[in-house]
Amino acid sequence: GQQTHVQDIVDEVERLGLRDVVLVGHSYAGIPVGQAAERIGERLARV
């Protein structure tokens, strides 16, 4: 479902321990990417 996709993105960032993250969402993916962007907090540099 849509929240599965949001969690896919958050989990990837956290699993890899990423910081200074630029999240890139194309077409439909802008919807889960925009939600994930606010959930990864200070790890985010830009969306």
ModelCIF file with pLDDT and N, C-alpha, C, O atoms, coordinates in Angstrom:
data_MODEL
#
_entry.id   MODEL 
#
_entity.id                         1 
_entity.type                       polymer 
_entity.pdbx_number_of_molecules   1 
#
_entity_poly.entity_id                      1 
_entity_poly.type                           'polypeptide(L)' 
_entity_poly.nstd_linkage                   no 
_entity_poly.nstd_monomer                   no 
_entity_poly.pdbx_seq_one_letter_code       GQQTHVQDIVDEVERLGLRDVVLVGHSYAGIPVGQAAERIGERLARV 
_entity_poly.pdbx_seq_one_letter_code_can   GQQTHVQDIVDEVERLGLRDVVLVGHSYAGIPVGQAAERIGERLARV 
_entity_poly.pdbx_strand_id                 A 
#
loop_
_entity_poly_seq.entity_id 
_entity_poly_seq.num 
_entity_poly_seq.mon_id 
_entity_poly_seq.hetero 
1 1  GLY n 
1 2  GLN n 
1 3  GLN n 
1 4  THR n 
1 5  HIS n 
1 6  VAL n 
1 7  GLN n 
1 8  ASP n 
1 9  ILE n 
1 10 VAL n 
1 11 ASP n 
1 12 GLU n 
1 13 VAL n 
1 14 GLU n 
1 15 ARG n 
1 16 LEU n 
1 17 GLY n 
1 18 LEU n 
1 19 ARG n 
1 20 ASP n 
1 21 VAL n 
1 22 VAL n 
1 23 LEU n 
1 24 VAL n 
1 25 GLY n 
1 26 HIS n 
1 27 SER n 
1 28 TYR n 
1 29 ALA n 
1 30 GLY n 
1 31 ILE n 
1 32 PRO n 
1 33 VAL n 
1 34 GLY n 
1 35 GLN n 
1 36 ALA n 
1 37 ALA n 
1 38 GLU n 
1 39 ARG n 
1 40 ILE n 
1 41 GLY n 
1 42 GLU n 
1 43 ARG n 
1 44 LEU n 
1 45 ALA n 
1 46 ARG n 
1 47 VAL n 
#
_struct_asym.id          A 
_struct_asym.entity_id   1 
#
loop_
_ma_qa_metric.id 
_ma_qa_metric.mode 
_ma_qa_metric.name 
_ma_qa_metric.software_group_id 
_ma_qa_metric.type 
1 global pLDDT . pLDDT 
2 local  pLDDT . pLDDT 
#
_ma_qa_metric_global.metric_id      1 
_ma_qa_metric_global.metric_value   97.85 
_ma_qa_metric_global.model_id       1 
_ma_qa_metric_global.ordinal_id     1 
#
loop_
_ma_qa_metric_local.label_asym_id 
_ma_qa_metric_local.label_comp_id 
_ma_qa_metric_local.label_seq_id 
_ma_qa_metric_local.metric_id 
_ma_qa_metric_local.metric_value 
_ma_qa_metric_local.model_id 
_ma_qa_metric_local.ordinal_id 
A GLY 1  2 97.00 1 1  
A GLN 2  2 97.00 1 2  
A GLN 3  2 98.00 1 3  
A THR 4  2 98.00 1 4  
A HIS 5  2 98.00 1 5  
A VAL 6  2 98.00 1 6  
A GLN 7  2 98.00 1 7  
A ASP 8  2 98.00 1 8  
A ILE 9  2 98.00 1 9  
A VAL 10 2 98.00 1 10 
A ASP 11 2 98.00 1 11 
A GLU 12 2 98.00 1 12 
A VAL 13 2 98.00 1 13 
A GLU 14 2 98.00 1 14 
A ARG 15 2 98.00 1 15 
A LEU 16 2 98.00 1 16 
A GLY 17 2 98.00 1 17 
A LEU 18 2 98.00 1 18 
A ARG 19 2 98.00 1 19 
A ASP 20 2 98.00 1 20 
A VAL 21 2 98.00 1 21 
A VAL 22 2 98.00 1 22 
A LEU 23 2 98.00 1 23 
A VAL 24 2 98.00 1 24 
A GLY 25 2 98.00 1 25 
A HIS 26 2 98.00 1 26 
A SER 27 2 98.00 1 27 
A TYR 28 2 98.00 1 28 
A ALA 29 2 98.00 1 29 
A GLY 30 2 98.00 1 30 
A ILE 31 2 98.00 1 31 
A PRO 32 2 98.00 1 32 
A VAL 33 2 98.00 1 33 
A GLY 34 2 98.00 1 34 
A GLN 35 2 98.00 1 35 
A ALA 36 2 98.00 1 36 
A ALA 37 2 98.00 1 37 
A GLU 38 2 96.00 1 38 
A ARG 39 2 98.00 1 39 
A ILE 40 2 98.00 1 40 
A GLY 41 2 96.00 1 41 
A GLU 42 2 97.00 1 42 
A ARG 43 2 98.00 1 43 
A LEU 44 2 98.00 1 44 
A ALA 45 2 98.00 1 45 
A ARG 46 2 98.00 1 46 
A VAL 47 2 98.00 1 47 
#
loop_
_atom_site.group_PDB 
_atom_site.id 
_atom_site.type_symbol 
_atom_site.label_atom_id 
_atom_site.label_alt_id 
_atom_site.label_comp_id 
_atom_site.label_asym_id 
_atom_site.label_entity_id 
_atom_site.label_seq_id 
_atom_site.pdbx_PDB_ins_code 
_atom_site.Cartn_x 
_atom_site.Cartn_y 
_atom_site.Cartn_z 
_atom_site.occupancy 
_atom_site.B_iso_or_equiv 
_atom_site.pdbx_formal_charge 
_atom_site.auth_seq_id 
_atom_site.auth_comp_id 
_atom_site.auth_asym_id 
_atom_site.auth_atom_id 
_atom_site.pdbx_PDB_model_num 
ATOM 1   N N  . GLY A 1 1  ? 0.860  -1.167 0.000   1.00 97.00 ? 1  GLY A N  1 
ATOM 2   C CA . GLY A 1 1  ? 0.000  0.000  0.000   1.00 97.00 ? 1  GLY A CA 1 
ATOM 3   C C  . GLY A 1 1  ? 0.901  1.222  0.000   1.00 97.00 ? 1  GLY A C  1 
ATOM 4   O O  . GLY A 1 1  ? 2.126  1.101  0.001   1.00 97.00 ? 1  GLY A O  1 
ATOM 5   N N  . GLN A 1 2  ? 0.293  2.393  -0.002  1.00 97.00 ? 2  GLN A N  1 
ATOM 6   C CA . GLN A 1 2  ? 1.103  3.609  -0.058  1.00 97.00 ? 2  GLN A CA 1 
ATOM 7   C C  . GLN A 1 2  ? 2.042  3.737  1.139   1.00 97.00 ? 2  GLN A C  1 
ATOM 8   O O  . GLN A 1 2  ? 3.202  4.119  0.978   1.00 97.00 ? 2  GLN A O  1 
ATOM 9   N N  . GLN A 1 3  ? 1.556  3.424  2.327   1.00 98.00 ? 3  GLN A N  1 
ATOM 10  C CA . GLN A 1 3  ? 2.420  3.549  3.506   1.00 98.00 ? 3  GLN A CA 1 
ATOM 11  C C  . GLN A 1 3  ? 3.543  2.508  3.500   1.00 98.00 ? 3  GLN A C  1 
ATOM 12  O O  . GLN A 1 3  ? 4.595  2.722  4.103   1.00 98.00 ? 3  GLN A O  1 
ATOM 13  N N  . THR A 1 4  ? 3.317  1.379  2.815   1.00 98.00 ? 4  THR A N  1 
ATOM 14  C CA . THR A 1 4  ? 4.413  0.428  2.609   1.00 98.00 ? 4  THR A CA 1 
ATOM 15  C C  . THR A 1 4  ? 5.542  1.108  1.860   1.00 98.00 ? 4  THR A C  1 
ATOM 16  O O  . THR A 1 4  ? 6.711  0.946  2.210   1.00 98.00 ? 4  THR A O  1 
ATOM 17  N N  . HIS A 1 5  ? 5.202  1.863  0.838   1.00 98.00 ? 5  HIS A N  1 
ATOM 18  C CA . HIS A 1 5  ? 6.221  2.538  0.038   1.00 98.00 ? 5  HIS A CA 1 
ATOM 19  C C  . HIS A 1 5  ? 6.936  3.623  0.831   1.00 98.00 ? 5  HIS A C  1 
ATOM 20  O O  . HIS A 1 5  ? 8.147  3.798  0.699   1.00 98.00 ? 5  HIS A O  1 
ATOM 21  N N  . VAL A 1 6  ? 6.197  4.342  1.644   1.00 98.00 ? 6  VAL A N  1 
ATOM 22  C CA . VAL A 1 6  ? 6.842  5.329  2.513   1.00 98.00 ? 6  VAL A CA 1 
ATOM 23  C C  . VAL A 1 6  ? 7.858  4.633  3.417   1.00 98.00 ? 6  VAL A C  1 
ATOM 24  O O  . VAL A 1 6  ? 8.989  5.096  3.570   1.00 98.00 ? 6  VAL A O  1 
ATOM 25  N N  . GLN A 1 7  ? 7.443  3.520  4.011   1.00 98.00 ? 7  GLN A N  1 
ATOM 26  C CA . GLN A 1 7  ? 8.332  2.804  4.922   1.00 98.00 ? 7  GLN A CA 1 
ATOM 27  C C  . GLN A 1 7  ? 9.515  2.191  4.194   1.00 98.00 ? 7  GLN A C  1 
ATOM 28  O O  . GLN A 1 7  ? 10.610 2.116  4.753   1.00 98.00 ? 7  GLN A O  1 
ATOM 29  N N  . ASP A 1 8  ? 9.314  1.746  2.944   1.00 98.00 ? 8  ASP A N  1 
ATOM 30  C CA . ASP A 1 8  ? 10.437 1.251  2.135   1.00 98.00 ? 8  ASP A CA 1 
ATOM 31  C C  . ASP A 1 8  ? 11.568 2.281  2.097   1.00 98.00 ? 8  ASP A C  1 
ATOM 32  O O  . ASP A 1 8  ? 12.740 1.943  2.260   1.00 98.00 ? 8  ASP A O  1 
ATOM 33  N N  . ILE A 1 9  ? 11.196 3.525  1.880   1.00 98.00 ? 9  ILE A N  1 
ATOM 34  C CA . ILE A 1 9  ? 12.184 4.598  1.739   1.00 98.00 ? 9  ILE A CA 1 
ATOM 35  C C  . ILE A 1 9  ? 12.841 4.907  3.075   1.00 98.00 ? 9  ILE A C  1 
ATOM 36  O O  . ILE A 1 9  ? 14.065 5.005  3.158   1.00 98.00 ? 9  ILE A O  1 
ATOM 37  N N  . VAL A 1 10 ? 12.039 5.060  4.114   1.00 98.00 ? 10 VAL A N  1 
ATOM 38  C CA . VAL A 1 10 ? 12.586 5.337  5.442   1.00 98.00 ? 10 VAL A CA 1 
ATOM 39  C C  . VAL A 1 10 ? 13.514 4.213  5.882   1.00 98.00 ? 10 VAL A C  1 
ATOM 40  O O  . VAL A 1 10 ? 14.595 4.469  6.412   1.00 98.00 ? 10 VAL A O  1 
ATOM 41  N N  . ASP A 1 11 ? 13.093 2.969  5.663   1.00 98.00 ? 11 ASP A N  1 
ATOM 42  C CA . ASP A 1 11 ? 13.905 1.819  6.072   1.00 98.00 ? 11 ASP A CA 1 
ATOM 43  C C  . ASP A 1 11 ? 15.240 1.789  5.342   1.00 98.00 ? 11 ASP A C  1 
ATOM 44  O O  . ASP A 1 11 ? 16.262 1.443  5.936   1.00 98.00 ? 11 ASP A O  1 
ATOM 45  N N  . GLU A 1 12 ? 15.244 2.145  4.067   1.00 98.00 ? 12 GLU A N  1 
ATOM 46  C CA . GLU A 1 12 ? 16.496 2.144  3.301   1.00 98.00 ? 12 GLU A CA 1 
ATOM 47  C C  . GLU A 1 12 ? 17.482 3.164  3.865   1.00 98.00 ? 12 GLU A C  1 
ATOM 48  O O  . GLU A 1 12 ? 18.667 2.869  4.019   1.00 98.00 ? 12 GLU A O  1 
ATOM 49  N N  . VAL A 1 13 ? 16.999 4.337  4.164   1.00 98.00 ? 13 VAL A N  1 
ATOM 50  C CA . VAL A 1 13 ? 17.858 5.375  4.725   1.00 98.00 ? 13 VAL A CA 1 
ATOM 51  C C  . VAL A 1 13 ? 18.414 4.942  6.081   1.00 98.00 ? 13 VAL A C  1 
ATOM 52  O O  . VAL A 1 13 ? 19.601 5.114  6.359   1.00 98.00 ? 13 VAL A O  1 
ATOM 53  N N  . GLU A 1 14 ? 17.551 4.382  6.916   1.00 98.00 ? 14 GLU A N  1 
ATOM 54  C CA . GLU A 1 14 ? 17.987 3.986  8.255   1.00 98.00 ? 14 GLU A CA 1 
ATOM 55  C C  . GLU A 1 14 ? 18.864 2.743  8.224   1.00 98.00 ? 14 GLU A C  1 
ATOM 56  O O  . GLU A 1 14 ? 19.830 2.648  8.982   1.00 98.00 ? 14 GLU A O  1 
ATOM 57  N N  . ARG A 1 15 ? 18.539 1.785  7.353   1.00 98.00 ? 15 ARG A N  1 
ATOM 58  C CA . ARG A 1 15 ? 19.326 0.554  7.258   1.00 98.00 ? 15 ARG A CA 1 
ATOM 59  C C  . ARG A 1 15 ? 20.766 0.837  6.857   1.00 98.00 ? 15 ARG A C  1 
ATOM 60  O O  . ARG A 1 15 ? 21.696 0.207  7.360   1.00 98.00 ? 15 ARG A O  1 
ATOM 61  N N  . LEU A 1 16 ? 20.942 1.785  5.952   1.00 98.00 ? 16 LEU A N  1 
ATOM 62  C CA . LEU A 1 16 ? 22.274 2.122  5.460   1.00 98.00 ? 16 LEU A CA 1 
ATOM 63  C C  . LEU A 1 16 ? 22.952 3.201  6.302   1.00 98.00 ? 16 LEU A C  1 
ATOM 64  O O  . LEU A 1 16 ? 24.111 3.541  6.063   1.00 98.00 ? 16 LEU A O  1 
ATOM 65  N N  . GLY A 1 17 ? 22.238 3.733  7.275   1.00 98.00 ? 17 GLY A N  1 
ATOM 66  C CA . GLY A 1 17 ? 22.810 4.769  8.130   1.00 98.00 ? 17 GLY A CA 1 
ATOM 67  C C  . GLY A 1 17 ? 23.161 6.037  7.365   1.00 98.00 ? 17 GLY A C  1 
ATOM 68  O O  . GLY A 1 17 ? 24.180 6.670  7.644   1.00 98.00 ? 17 GLY A O  1 
ATOM 69  N N  . LEU A 1 18 ? 22.329 6.408  6.411   1.00 98.00 ? 18 LEU A N  1 
ATOM 70  C CA . LEU A 1 18 ? 22.653 7.529  5.531   1.00 98.00 ? 18 LEU A CA 1 
ATOM 71  C C  . LEU A 1 18 ? 22.386 8.871  6.199   1.00 98.00 ? 18 LEU A C  1 
ATOM 72  O O  . LEU A 1 18 ? 21.435 9.028  6.965   1.00 98.00 ? 18 LEU A O  1 
ATOM 73  N N  . ARG A 1 19 ? 23.246 9.828  5.889   1.00 98.00 ? 19 ARG A N  1 
ATOM 74  C CA . ARG A 1 19 ? 23.057 11.224 6.285   1.00 98.00 ? 19 ARG A CA 1 
ATOM 75  C C  . ARG A 1 19 ? 23.340 12.091 5.065   1.00 98.00 ? 19 ARG A C  1 
ATOM 76  O O  . ARG A 1 19 ? 23.847 11.605 4.054   1.00 98.00 ? 19 ARG A O  1 
ATOM 77  N N  . ASP A 1 20 ? 23.009 13.377 5.162   1.00 98.00 ? 20 ASP A N  1 
ATOM 78  C CA . ASP A 1 20 ? 23.158 14.285 4.013   1.00 98.00 ? 20 ASP A CA 1 
ATOM 79  C C  . ASP A 1 20 ? 22.435 13.686 2.805   1.00 98.00 ? 20 ASP A C  1 
ATOM 80  O O  . ASP A 1 20 ? 22.987 13.573 1.711   1.00 98.00 ? 20 ASP A O  1 
ATOM 81  N N  . VAL A 1 21 ? 21.187 13.310 3.045   1.00 98.00 ? 21 VAL A N  1 
ATOM 82  C CA . VAL A 1 21 ? 20.398 12.570 2.055   1.00 98.00 ? 21 VAL A CA 1 
ATOM 83  C C  . VAL A 1 21 ? 19.625 13.520 1.145   1.00 98.00 ? 21 VAL A C  1 
ATOM 84  O O  . VAL A 1 21 ? 18.943 14.433 1.612   1.00 98.00 ? 21 VAL A O  1 
ATOM 85  N N  . VAL A 1 22 ? 19.743 13.291 -0.154  1.00 98.00 ? 22 VAL A N  1 
ATOM 86  C CA . VAL A 1 22 ? 18.869 13.918 -1.129  1.00 98.00 ? 22 VAL A CA 1 
ATOM 87  C C  . VAL A 1 22 ? 17.908 12.845 -1.611  1.00 98.00 ? 22 VAL A C  1 
ATOM 88  O O  . VAL A 1 22 ? 18.307 11.919 -2.317  1.00 98.00 ? 22 VAL A O  1 
ATOM 89  N N  . LEU A 1 23 ? 16.637 12.968 -1.229  1.00 98.00 ? 23 LEU A N  1 
ATOM 90  C CA . LEU A 1 23 ? 15.601 12.037 -1.666  1.00 98.00 ? 23 LEU A CA 1 
ATOM 91  C C  . LEU A 1 23 ? 15.048 12.522 -3.004  1.00 98.00 ? 23 LEU A C  1 
ATOM 92  O O  . LEU A 1 23 ? 14.678 13.687 -3.148  1.00 98.00 ? 23 LEU A O  1 
ATOM 93  N N  . VAL A 1 24 ? 14.999 11.626 -3.969  1.00 98.00 ? 24 VAL A N  1 
ATOM 94  C CA . VAL A 1 24 ? 14.532 11.980 -5.305  1.00 98.00 ? 24 VAL A CA 1 
ATOM 95  C C  . VAL A 1 24 ? 13.327 11.117 -5.641  1.00 98.00 ? 24 VAL A C  1 
ATOM 96  O O  . VAL A 1 24 ? 13.419 9.890  -5.668  1.00 98.00 ? 24 VAL A O  1 
ATOM 97  N N  . GLY A 1 25 ? 12.196 11.767 -5.898  1.00 98.00 ? 25 GLY A N  1 
ATOM 98  C CA . GLY A 1 25 ? 10.974 11.048 -6.232  1.00 98.00 ? 25 GLY A CA 1 
ATOM 99  C C  . GLY A 1 25 ? 10.464 11.464 -7.593  1.00 98.00 ? 25 GLY A C  1 
ATOM 100 O O  . GLY A 1 25 ? 10.234 12.648 -7.840  1.00 98.00 ? 25 GLY A O  1 
ATOM 101 N N  . HIS A 1 26 ? 10.284 10.493 -8.482  1.00 98.00 ? 26 HIS A N  1 
ATOM 102 C CA . HIS A 1 26 ? 9.803  10.757 -9.830  1.00 98.00 ? 26 HIS A CA 1 
ATOM 103 C C  . HIS A 1 26 ? 8.343  10.337 -9.962  1.00 98.00 ? 26 HIS A C  1 
ATOM 104 O O  . HIS A 1 26 ? 7.958  9.258  -9.511  1.00 98.00 ? 26 HIS A O  1 
ATOM 105 N N  . SER A 1 27 ? 7.531  11.196 -10.584 1.00 98.00 ? 27 SER A N  1 
ATOM 106 C CA . SER A 1 27 ? 6.144  10.868 -10.909 1.00 98.00 ? 27 SER A CA 1 
ATOM 107 C C  . SER A 1 27 ? 5.377  10.428 -9.647  1.00 98.00 ? 27 SER A C  1 
ATOM 108 O O  . SER A 1 27 ? 5.380  11.144 -8.646  1.00 98.00 ? 27 SER A O  1 
ATOM 109 N N  . TYR A 1 28 ? 4.721  9.253  -9.691  1.00 98.00 ? 28 TYR A N  1 
ATOM 110 C CA . TYR A 1 28 ? 3.996  8.776  -8.516  1.00 98.00 ? 28 TYR A CA 1 
ATOM 111 C C  . TYR A 1 28 ? 4.849  8.815  -7.256  1.00 98.00 ? 28 TYR A C  1 
ATOM 112 O O  . TYR A 1 28 ? 4.346  9.137  -6.180  1.00 98.00 ? 28 TYR A O  1 
ATOM 113 N N  . ALA A 1 29 ? 6.138  8.490  -7.373  1.00 98.00 ? 29 ALA A N  1 
ATOM 114 C CA . ALA A 1 29 ? 6.992  8.334  -6.193  1.00 98.00 ? 29 ALA A CA 1 
ATOM 115 C C  . ALA A 1 29 ? 7.173  9.629  -5.411  1.00 98.00 ? 29 ALA A C  1 
ATOM 116 O O  . ALA A 1 29 ? 7.649  9.602  -4.277  1.00 98.00 ? 29 ALA A O  1 
ATOM 117 N N  . GLY A 1 30 ? 6.799  10.766 -6.004  1.00 98.00 ? 30 GLY A N  1 
ATOM 118 C CA . GLY A 1 30 ? 6.842  11.989 -5.221  1.00 98.00 ? 30 GLY A CA 1 
ATOM 119 C C  . GLY A 1 30 ? 5.946  11.922 -4.001  1.00 98.00 ? 30 GLY A C  1 
ATOM 120 O O  . GLY A 1 30 ? 6.218  12.577 -2.995  1.00 98.00 ? 30 GLY A O  1 
ATOM 121 N N  . ILE A 1 31 ? 4.876  11.135 -4.075  1.00 98.00 ? 31 ILE A N  1 
ATOM 122 C CA . ILE A 1 31 ? 3.951  11.044 -2.941  1.00 98.00 ? 31 ILE A CA 1 
ATOM 123 C C  . ILE A 1 31 ? 4.590  10.320 -1.761  1.00 98.00 ? 31 ILE A C  1 
ATOM 124 O O  . ILE A 1 31 ? 4.602  10.888 -0.669  1.00 98.00 ? 31 ILE A O  1 
ATOM 125 N N  . PRO A 1 32 ? 5.124  9.100  -1.904  1.00 98.00 ? 32 PRO A N  1 
ATOM 126 C CA . PRO A 1 32 ? 5.810  8.498  -0.760  1.00 98.00 ? 32 PRO A CA 1 
ATOM 127 C C  . PRO A 1 32 ? 7.112  9.195  -0.387  1.00 98.00 ? 32 PRO A C  1 
ATOM 128 O O  . PRO A 1 32 ? 7.462  9.243  0.792   1.00 98.00 ? 32 PRO A O  1 
ATOM 129 N N  . VAL A 1 33 ? 7.836  9.736  -1.362  1.00 98.00 ? 33 VAL A N  1 
ATOM 130 C CA . VAL A 1 33 ? 9.080  10.437 -1.052  1.00 98.00 ? 33 VAL A CA 1 
ATOM 131 C C  . VAL A 1 33 ? 8.806  11.675 -0.200  1.00 98.00 ? 33 VAL A C  1 
ATOM 132 O O  . VAL A 1 33 ? 9.536  11.941 0.754   1.00 98.00 ? 33 VAL A O  1 
ATOM 133 N N  . GLY A 1 34 ? 7.766  12.431 -0.534  1.00 98.00 ? 34 GLY A N  1 
ATOM 134 C CA . GLY A 1 34 ? 7.445  13.610 0.258   1.00 98.00 ? 34 GLY A CA 1 
ATOM 135 C C  . GLY A 1 34 ? 7.102  13.280 1.694   1.00 98.00 ? 34 GLY A C  1 
ATOM 136 O O  . GLY A 1 34 ? 7.441  14.034 2.605   1.00 98.00 ? 34 GLY A O  1 
ATOM 137 N N  . GLN A 1 35 ? 6.425  12.147 1.907   1.00 98.00 ? 35 GLN A N  1 
ATOM 138 C CA . GLN A 1 35 ? 6.106  11.721 3.271   1.00 98.00 ? 35 GLN A CA 1 
ATOM 139 C C  . GLN A 1 35 ? 7.351  11.217 3.999   1.00 98.00 ? 35 GLN A C  1 
ATOM 140 O O  . GLN A 1 35 ? 7.558  11.512 5.176   1.00 98.00 ? 35 GLN A O  1 
ATOM 141 N N  . ALA A 1 36 ? 8.176  10.451 3.281   1.00 98.00 ? 36 ALA A N  1 
ATOM 142 C CA . ALA A 1 36 ? 9.397  9.939  3.898   1.00 98.00 ? 36 ALA A CA 1 
ATOM 143 C C  . ALA A 1 36 ? 10.352 11.069 4.266   1.00 98.00 ? 36 ALA A C  1 
ATOM 144 O O  . ALA A 1 36 ? 11.076 10.977 5.258   1.00 98.00 ? 36 ALA A O  1 
ATOM 145 N N  . ALA A 1 37 ? 10.353 12.133 3.469   1.00 98.00 ? 37 ALA A N  1 
ATOM 146 C CA . ALA A 1 37 ? 11.280 13.238 3.708   1.00 98.00 ? 37 ALA A CA 1 
ATOM 147 C C  . ALA A 1 37 ? 11.084 13.847 5.089   1.00 98.00 ? 37 ALA A C  1 
ATOM 148 O O  . ALA A 1 37 ? 12.056 14.191 5.761   1.00 98.00 ? 37 ALA A O  1 
ATOM 149 N N  . GLU A 1 38 ? 9.828  13.982 5.517   1.00 96.00 ? 38 GLU A N  1 
ATOM 150 C CA . GLU A 1 38 ? 9.611  14.566 6.835   1.00 96.00 ? 38 GLU A CA 1 
ATOM 151 C C  . GLU A 1 38 ? 9.887  13.562 7.962   1.00 96.00 ? 38 GLU A C  1 
ATOM 152 O O  . GLU A 1 38 ? 10.082 13.957 9.112   1.00 96.00 ? 38 GLU A O  1 
ATOM 153 N N  . ARG A 1 39 ? 9.903  12.268 7.631   1.00 98.00 ? 39 ARG A N  1 
ATOM 154 C CA . ARG A 1 39 ? 10.091 11.246 8.661   1.00 98.00 ? 39 ARG A CA 1 
ATOM 155 C C  . ARG A 1 39 ? 11.551 10.912 8.930   1.00 98.00 ? 39 ARG A C  1 
ATOM 156 O O  . ARG A 1 39 ? 11.867 10.328 9.967   1.00 98.00 ? 39 ARG A O  1 
ATOM 157 N N  . ILE A 1 40 ? 12.453 11.275 8.008   1.00 98.00 ? 40 ILE A N  1 
ATOM 158 C CA . ILE A 1 40 ? 13.868 10.959 8.256   1.00 98.00 ? 40 ILE A CA 1 
ATOM 159 C C  . ILE A 1 40 ? 14.578 12.100 8.968   1.00 98.00 ? 40 ILE A C  1 
ATOM 160 O O  . ILE A 1 40 ? 15.767 11.997 9.273   1.00 98.00 ? 40 ILE A O  1 
ATOM 161 N N  . GLY A 1 41 ? 13.864 13.185 9.237   1.00 96.00 ? 41 GLY A N  1 
ATOM 162 C CA . GLY A 1 41 ? 14.377 14.236 10.098  1.00 96.00 ? 41 GLY A CA 1 
ATOM 163 C C  . GLY A 1 41 ? 15.673 14.856 9.617   1.00 96.00 ? 41 GLY A C  1 
ATOM 164 O O  . GLY A 1 41 ? 15.804 15.233 8.453   1.00 96.00 ? 41 GLY A O  1 
ATOM 165 N N  . GLU A 1 42 ? 16.641 14.958 10.536  1.00 97.00 ? 42 GLU A N  1 
ATOM 166 C CA . GLU A 1 42 ? 17.882 15.667 10.238  1.00 97.00 ? 42 GLU A CA 1 
ATOM 167 C C  . GLU A 1 42 ? 18.769 14.934 9.240   1.00 97.00 ? 42 GLU A C  1 
ATOM 168 O O  . GLU A 1 42 ? 19.775 15.483 8.790   1.00 97.00 ? 42 GLU A O  1 
ATOM 169 N N  . ARG A 1 43 ? 18.415 13.715 8.891   1.00 98.00 ? 43 ARG A N  1 
ATOM 170 C CA . ARG A 1 43 ? 19.182 13.015 7.847   1.00 98.00 ? 43 ARG A CA 1 
ATOM 171 C C  . ARG A 1 43 ? 18.979 13.661 6.470   1.00 98.00 ? 43 ARG A C  1 
ATOM 172 O O  . ARG A 1 43 ? 19.811 13.499 5.577   1.00 98.00 ? 43 ARG A O  1 
ATOM 173 N N  . LEU A 1 44 ? 17.879 14.387 6.304   1.00 98.00 ? 44 LEU A N  1 
ATOM 174 C CA . LEU A 1 44 ? 17.517 14.958 5.012   1.00 98.00 ? 44 LEU A CA 1 
ATOM 175 C C  . LEU A 1 44 ? 18.292 16.234 4.725   1.00 98.00 ? 44 LEU A C  1 
ATOM 176 O O  . LEU A 1 44 ? 18.361 17.136 5.559   1.00 98.00 ? 44 LEU A O  1 
ATOM 177 N N  . ALA A 1 45 ? 18.887 16.297 3.508   1.00 98.00 ? 45 ALA A N  1 
ATOM 178 C CA . ALA A 1 45 ? 19.487 17.537 3.028   1.00 98.00 ? 45 ALA A CA 1 
ATOM 179 C C  . ALA A 1 45 ? 18.523 18.271 2.107   1.00 98.00 ? 45 ALA A C  1 
ATOM 180 O O  . ALA A 1 45 ? 18.364 19.488 2.196   1.00 98.00 ? 45 ALA A O  1 
ATOM 181 N N  . ARG A 1 46 ? 17.881 17.511 1.221   1.00 98.00 ? 46 ARG A N  1 
ATOM 182 C CA . ARG A 1 46 ? 16.937 18.117 0.272   1.00 98.00 ? 46 ARG A CA 1 
ATOM 183 C C  . ARG A 1 46 ? 16.080 17.025 -0.342  1.00 98.00 ? 46 ARG A C  1 
ATOM 184 O O  . ARG A 1 46 ? 16.483 15.864 -0.400  1.00 98.00 ? 46 ARG A O  1 
ATOM 185 N N  . VAL A 1 47 ? 14.910 17.403 -0.793  1.00 98.00 ? 47 VAL A N  1 
ATOM 186 C CA . VAL A 1 47 ? 14.065 16.481 -1.553  1.00 98.00 ? 47 VAL A CA 1 
ATOM 187 C C  . VAL A 1 47 ? 13.884 17.060 -2.955  1.00 98.00 ? 47 VAL A C  1 
ATOM 188 O O  . VAL A 1 47 ? 13.205 16.459 -3.788  1.00 98.00 ? 47 VAL A O  1 
#
